[in-house]
Amino acid sequence: MKRIALLFLIMCTGLCAYAKHIEYTSEDSARVVQLLKDAQELRGTENRVFYFGKKFLNLPYVAHTLELGNTEHLIVNLHELDCTTFVETVVALALCDLQDKRTFDDFCNNLTHIRFRQGLMTDYTSRLHYFTWWAEDNEQLGIVKDITPQSAPWGAFTAIQTVNINYMSSHPMLYKQLKSHPAFVPTIKAYEQASNGKKFRYIPKQNLAWNQSSALGTVKDGDIVAMLTDNDGLDTRHIGIAFWQNGRLHLLHASSLYKKVLMSKETFHEYEMKQPKHTGIRVFRLVEN
């Protein structure tokens, strides 16, 4: 399927602000508009993030969908997703619904704010590659909030992560854009170093066995969860959306194992205990007031 250059469509769509910067298909843009239109009638009071997340069930998991072309541009792809693009797409839709903005232009604007540092797309270094960057930036923009209690008692958040990231700058040959543009590496390294040493409370994976009536119940349907790691120069290994089922926490995510978006039948605790490099989760919520 051929992708549509926005420059070609500008006379028809009037999306001048995004000329030369968006890559998408006509099916993608039509689906965005339809999803936002349907939400007005069908969502009711259901959590926005959870509602839109379920709209992508069984969609194929495909990695590296943002690594196209030689220059950074906004890529909209609603027919194949990885864990990050799944969450970003869902949050952008939820934000549009919250704002009662329902055009493809609105969606692209929100996706840009979510995906790039301070909402400004420049080059590859402006993309929020690590979840620590993504979370901090989207908190500053007022899009999401960390639900960690700010004072004791800490509830389920009984562990502390100390950020130590360097994977991208240490392995530039694994990244198409860094391999092609080695001048980007020092910028990435500087951003990594600026994050290192920061500390964040999180829920250790053993606490995910607690039931909904416990302190773990502070996690709600539709919360964004980042699965942390403590090695390899990374901060996280996976992200998804939390939901409760029969009093137990579960995960809605784009699964690399099952190659699709799914609602895990196993509990979140069962899932995490199978991941030896995972330590626990940070939790974020869309700001709706």
Protein backbone atom coordinates (compact mmCIF):
# COMPACT_ATOMS: atom_id res chain seq x y z
CA MET A 1 0.00 0.00 0.00
CA LYS A 2 1.45 3.31 -1.02
CA ARG A 3 1.83 5.97 1.62
CA ILE A 4 0.43 9.41 0.88
CA ALA A 5 2.67 12.46 0.95
CA LEU A 6 0.89 15.25 2.77
CA LEU A 7 2.32 17.80 0.38
CA PHE A 8 0.23 16.21 -2.36
CA LEU A 9 -2.91 16.46 -0.28
CA ILE A 10 -2.43 19.95 1.09
CA MET A 11 -4.82 21.61 -1.35
CA CYS A 12 -7.54 19.15 -0.37
CA THR A 13 -6.97 18.85 3.33
CA GLY A 14 -5.63 22.24 4.30
CA LEU A 15 -3.15 20.75 6.76
CA CYS A 16 -0.51 23.33 5.99
CA ALA A 17 1.22 23.03 9.33
CA TYR A 18 2.26 19.48 8.55
CA ALA A 19 3.37 19.78 4.91
CA LYS A 20 6.38 17.57 4.18
CA HIS A 21 6.34 16.17 7.73
CA ILE A 22 3.69 13.43 7.91
CA GLU A 23 3.66 9.92 6.48
CA TYR A 24 0.38 8.01 6.60
CA THR A 25 -2.15 6.13 4.48
CA SER A 26 -5.66 7.22 3.58
CA GLU A 27 -6.90 4.27 5.64
CA ASP A 28 -4.98 5.58 8.67
CA SER A 29 -6.47 9.06 8.46
CA ALA A 30 -9.98 7.72 7.85
CA ARG A 31 -9.73 5.39 10.83
CA VAL A 32 -8.59 8.17 13.14
CA VAL A 33 -11.60 10.28 12.21
CA GLN A 34 -13.98 7.32 12.54
CA LEU A 35 -12.61 6.30 15.94
CA LEU A 36 -12.98 9.82 17.27
CA LYS A 37 -16.49 10.14 15.84
CA ASP A 38 -17.60 6.80 17.28
CA ALA A 39 -16.23 7.69 20.71
CA GLN A 40 -18.76 10.51 21.00
CA GLU A 41 -21.60 7.97 20.95
CA LEU A 42 -20.07 4.73 22.21
CA ARG A 43 -17.51 5.49 24.93
CA GLY A 44 -19.96 6.58 27.60
CA THR A 45 -18.13 6.89 30.92
CA GLU A 46 -15.47 4.27 30.17
CA ASN A 47 -11.88 5.35 30.72
CA ARG A 48 -10.68 6.98 27.50
CA VAL A 49 -7.29 5.28 27.29
CA PHE A 50 -8.76 1.84 27.98
CA TYR A 51 -11.59 2.45 25.49
CA PHE A 52 -9.29 3.39 22.62
CA GLY A 53 -6.71 0.74 23.54
CA LYS A 54 -9.27 -2.02 22.98
CA LYS A 55 -10.00 -0.68 19.49
CA PHE A 56 -6.63 -2.06 18.37
CA LEU A 57 -7.03 -5.61 19.66
CA ASN A 58 -5.49 -8.21 17.32
CA LEU A 59 -3.69 -5.59 15.26
CA PRO A 60 -0.28 -6.94 14.16
CA TYR A 61 2.81 -6.20 16.21
CA VAL A 62 5.55 -4.76 13.99
CA ALA A 63 8.77 -3.21 15.34
CA HIS A 64 10.72 -0.23 13.99
CA THR A 65 7.78 1.40 12.19
CA LEU A 66 9.15 4.85 13.02
CA GLU A 67 12.55 4.20 11.44
CA LEU A 68 11.59 5.18 7.90
CA GLY A 69 13.40 7.63 5.64
CA ASN A 70 16.54 9.64 6.30
CA THR A 71 14.98 12.59 8.10
CA GLU A 72 12.75 12.70 11.15
CA HIS A 73 9.08 13.16 10.33
CA LEU A 74 5.75 12.29 11.90
CA ILE A 75 4.74 8.73 11.05
CA VAL A 76 1.12 7.74 11.63
CA ASN A 77 0.52 4.00 11.38
CA LEU A 78 -2.69 2.50 12.72
CA HIS A 79 -2.42 -0.85 10.97
CA GLU A 80 0.73 -2.16 12.67
CA LEU A 81 2.07 -1.17 16.07
CA ASP A 82 4.83 -1.85 18.58
CA CYS A 83 4.45 -1.30 22.32
CA THR A 84 5.46 2.36 22.15
CA THR A 85 3.49 3.39 19.07
CA PHE A 86 0.46 1.56 20.48
CA VAL A 87 0.52 3.64 23.67
CA GLU A 88 1.31 6.88 21.84
CA THR A 89 -1.51 6.35 19.34
CA VAL A 90 -4.01 5.54 22.08
CA VAL A 91 -3.01 8.54 24.20
CA ALA A 92 -3.23 10.87 21.19
CA LEU A 93 -6.77 9.61 20.47
CA ALA A 94 -7.77 9.90 24.12
CA LEU A 95 -6.40 13.44 24.26
CA CYS A 96 -8.40 14.41 21.16
CA ASP A 97 -11.56 12.97 22.72
CA LEU A 98 -10.88 14.83 25.96
CA GLN A 99 -10.41 18.08 24.02
CA ASP A 100 -13.41 17.31 21.80
CA LYS A 101 -11.15 17.72 18.76
CA ARG A 102 -11.93 15.14 16.10
CA THR A 103 -10.00 15.83 12.91
CA PHE A 104 -6.90 14.07 11.61
CA ASP A 105 -5.07 17.37 11.95
CA ASP A 106 -5.94 17.42 15.66
CA PHE A 107 -4.68 13.87 16.08
CA CYS A 108 -1.38 14.64 14.35
CA ASN A 109 -0.88 17.69 16.51
CA ASN A 110 -1.40 15.67 19.69
CA LEU A 111 0.79 12.81 18.48
CA THR A 112 3.59 15.30 17.79
CA HIS A 113 3.29 16.74 21.30
CA ILE A 114 3.38 13.25 22.82
CA ARG A 115 6.26 11.83 20.77
CA PHE A 116 8.75 14.72 20.62
CA ARG A 117 10.63 16.73 23.23
CA GLN A 118 8.51 19.71 24.32
CA GLY A 119 6.15 18.84 21.48
CA LEU A 120 8.61 20.08 18.85
CA MET A 121 9.77 17.79 16.05
CA THR A 122 13.18 18.73 14.67
CA ASP A 123 15.54 15.84 14.05
CA TYR A 124 16.01 12.32 15.41
CA THR A 125 17.33 13.64 18.71
CA SER A 126 14.03 15.40 19.43
CA ARG A 127 12.15 12.10 19.68
CA LEU A 128 11.56 10.83 23.23
CA HIS A 129 13.39 7.53 22.81
CA TYR A 130 13.61 6.45 26.45
CA PHE A 131 10.46 6.14 28.56
CA THR A 132 12.08 8.29 31.27
CA TRP A 133 12.24 11.11 28.72
CA TRP A 134 8.72 10.40 27.49
CA ALA A 135 7.25 10.43 30.98
CA GLU A 136 9.07 13.55 32.14
CA ASP A 137 8.24 15.52 29.00
CA ASN A 138 4.58 14.53 28.89
CA GLU A 139 4.23 15.38 32.58
CA GLN A 140 5.69 18.83 31.94
CA LEU A 141 3.21 19.34 29.11
CA GLY A 142 0.33 18.35 31.41
CA ILE A 143 -0.66 15.33 29.32
CA VAL A 144 0.00 12.60 31.89
CA LYS A 145 0.79 12.45 35.59
CA ASP A 146 2.81 10.02 37.70
CA ILE A 147 0.36 8.46 40.18
CA THR A 148 3.07 7.68 42.75
CA PRO A 149 2.11 9.00 46.20
CA GLN A 150 4.15 12.09 46.96
CA SER A 151 4.56 11.29 50.65
CA ALA A 152 4.53 8.25 52.91
CA PRO A 153 2.82 5.84 53.19
CA TRP A 154 3.90 4.79 49.72
CA GLY A 155 1.35 1.99 49.32
CA ALA A 156 2.41 -0.43 46.59
CA PHE A 157 5.26 1.87 45.47
CA THR A 158 7.84 0.34 47.77
CA ALA A 159 10.94 0.42 45.53
CA ILE A 160 13.11 3.15 44.01
CA GLN A 161 14.56 3.21 40.51
CA THR A 162 17.82 5.06 39.92
CA VAL A 163 18.02 5.89 36.23
CA ASN A 164 21.18 4.78 34.43
CA ILE A 165 20.73 4.94 30.67
CA ASN A 166 23.38 4.79 27.97
CA TYR A 167 22.28 2.09 25.55
CA MET A 168 21.71 4.33 22.53
CA SER A 169 24.97 6.23 22.74
CA SER A 170 26.84 2.99 23.52
CA HIS A 171 25.31 1.11 20.57
CA PRO A 172 24.80 3.72 17.81
CA MET A 173 25.29 1.16 15.05
CA LEU A 174 22.04 -0.52 16.14
CA TYR A 175 20.04 2.62 15.29
CA LYS A 176 19.55 3.55 11.66
CA GLN A 177 19.57 7.29 12.23
CA LEU A 178 22.57 7.25 14.58
CA LYS A 179 24.48 5.07 12.15
CA SER A 180 23.68 7.48 9.31
CA HIS A 181 24.17 10.63 11.40
CA PRO A 182 26.98 10.09 13.94
CA ALA A 183 26.77 13.78 14.83
CA PHE A 184 23.53 12.96 16.68
CA VAL A 185 25.28 10.65 19.16
CA PRO A 186 26.76 13.38 21.42
CA THR A 187 23.32 15.00 21.74
CA ILE A 188 21.72 11.69 22.68
CA LYS A 189 24.52 11.05 25.17
CA ALA A 190 24.04 14.46 26.76
CA TYR A 191 20.31 13.79 27.20
CA GLU A 192 21.11 10.39 28.71
CA GLN A 193 23.56 11.89 31.17
CA ALA A 194 21.04 14.56 32.16
CA SER A 195 18.63 11.79 33.19
CA ASN A 196 21.11 9.56 34.99
CA GLY A 197 20.91 9.55 38.75
CA LYS A 198 17.26 10.60 38.87
CA LYS A 199 15.21 8.52 41.28
CA PHE A 200 11.60 7.42 40.96
CA ARG A 201 9.38 5.28 43.14
CA TYR A 202 7.85 2.24 41.49
CA ILE A 203 5.83 -0.89 42.21
CA PRO A 204 8.14 -3.93 42.41
CA LYS A 205 6.81 -6.82 40.39
CA GLN A 206 6.11 -9.00 43.45
CA ASN A 207 3.57 -6.39 44.63
CA LEU A 208 1.57 -6.91 41.42
CA ALA A 209 0.18 -10.06 43.06
CA TRP A 210 -1.87 -7.86 45.42
CA ASN A 211 -5.61 -7.70 44.71
CA GLN A 212 -7.73 -4.72 43.74
CA SER A 213 -8.87 -4.05 47.31
CA SER A 214 -5.26 -3.52 48.42
CA ALA A 215 -3.02 -0.49 47.96
CA LEU A 216 -2.41 -1.74 44.40
CA GLY A 217 -5.97 -0.63 43.69
CA THR A 218 -4.62 2.90 43.24
CA VAL A 219 -3.82 1.68 39.70
CA LYS A 220 -6.89 2.17 37.52
CA ASP A 221 -8.15 0.84 34.19
CA GLY A 222 -6.41 2.77 31.43
CA ASP A 223 -3.28 3.70 33.38
CA ILE A 224 -0.07 3.65 31.35
CA VAL A 225 2.47 1.25 32.78
CA ALA A 226 6.19 1.07 32.03
CA MET A 227 8.00 -2.18 32.86
CA LEU A 228 11.36 -1.24 34.35
CA THR A 229 14.76 -2.88 34.06
CA ASP A 230 17.92 -2.36 36.05
CA ASN A 231 20.59 -3.35 33.55
CA ASP A 232 21.81 -3.07 29.95
CA GLY A 233 21.82 0.75 29.97
CA LEU A 234 18.04 0.88 29.61
CA ASP A 235 15.27 2.20 31.85
CA THR A 236 12.35 0.14 30.56
CA ARG A 237 11.79 -2.94 28.43
CA HIS A 238 8.09 -2.70 27.62
CA ILE A 239 5.05 -0.43 28.05
CA GLY A 240 1.32 -1.02 27.97
CA ILE A 241 -2.03 -0.23 29.58
CA ALA A 242 -3.32 -1.63 32.88
CA PHE A 243 -6.79 -3.06 33.48
CA TRP A 244 -8.51 -5.03 36.24
CA GLN A 245 -10.25 -8.36 35.76
CA ASN A 246 -11.75 -10.39 38.62
CA GLY A 247 -9.83 -8.34 41.15
CA ARG A 248 -6.45 -8.94 39.53
CA LEU A 249 -4.33 -6.56 37.48
CA HIS A 250 -3.80 -7.41 33.80
CA LEU A 251 -1.99 -5.87 30.83
CA LEU A 252 -3.31 -4.56 27.49
CA HIS A 253 -0.33 -4.26 25.16
CA ALA A 254 1.28 -4.82 21.79
CA SER A 255 3.01 -8.13 22.39
CA SER A 256 6.21 -9.04 20.56
CA LEU A 257 5.72 -12.66 21.69
CA TYR A 258 2.20 -13.07 20.32
CA LYS A 259 2.79 -10.60 17.45
CA LYS A 260 -0.41 -8.65 18.09
CA VAL A 261 -2.22 -6.28 20.42
CA LEU A 262 -3.95 -8.27 23.14
CA MET A 263 -5.43 -8.25 26.61
CA SER A 264 -3.28 -10.73 28.49
CA LYS A 265 -5.22 -13.61 30.02
CA GLU A 266 -2.48 -14.15 32.59
CA THR A 267 -2.33 -11.64 35.41
CA PHE A 268 0.19 -8.81 35.27
CA HIS A 269 2.04 -10.48 38.14
CA GLU A 270 2.26 -13.78 36.24
CA TYR A 271 3.48 -11.95 33.17
CA GLU A 272 6.16 -10.01 35.06
CA MET A 273 7.49 -13.01 36.96
CA LYS A 274 8.33 -14.59 33.59
CA GLN A 275 10.51 -11.58 32.72
CA PRO A 276 13.82 -11.97 34.59
CA LYS A 277 15.12 -8.55 33.52
CA HIS A 278 11.99 -6.70 34.65
CA THR A 279 11.98 -5.18 38.14
CA GLY A 280 8.55 -3.56 38.40
CA ILE A 281 6.41 -0.77 36.99
CA ARG A 282 6.00 2.99 36.94
CA VAL A 283 2.41 4.15 36.45
CA PHE A 284 1.02 7.21 34.67
CA ARG A 285 -2.49 8.51 34.05
CA LEU A 286 -3.95 10.80 31.43
CA VAL A 287 -4.68 14.20 32.97
CA GLU A 288 -8.38 14.93 32.53
CA ASN A 289 -8.90 18.05 34.61
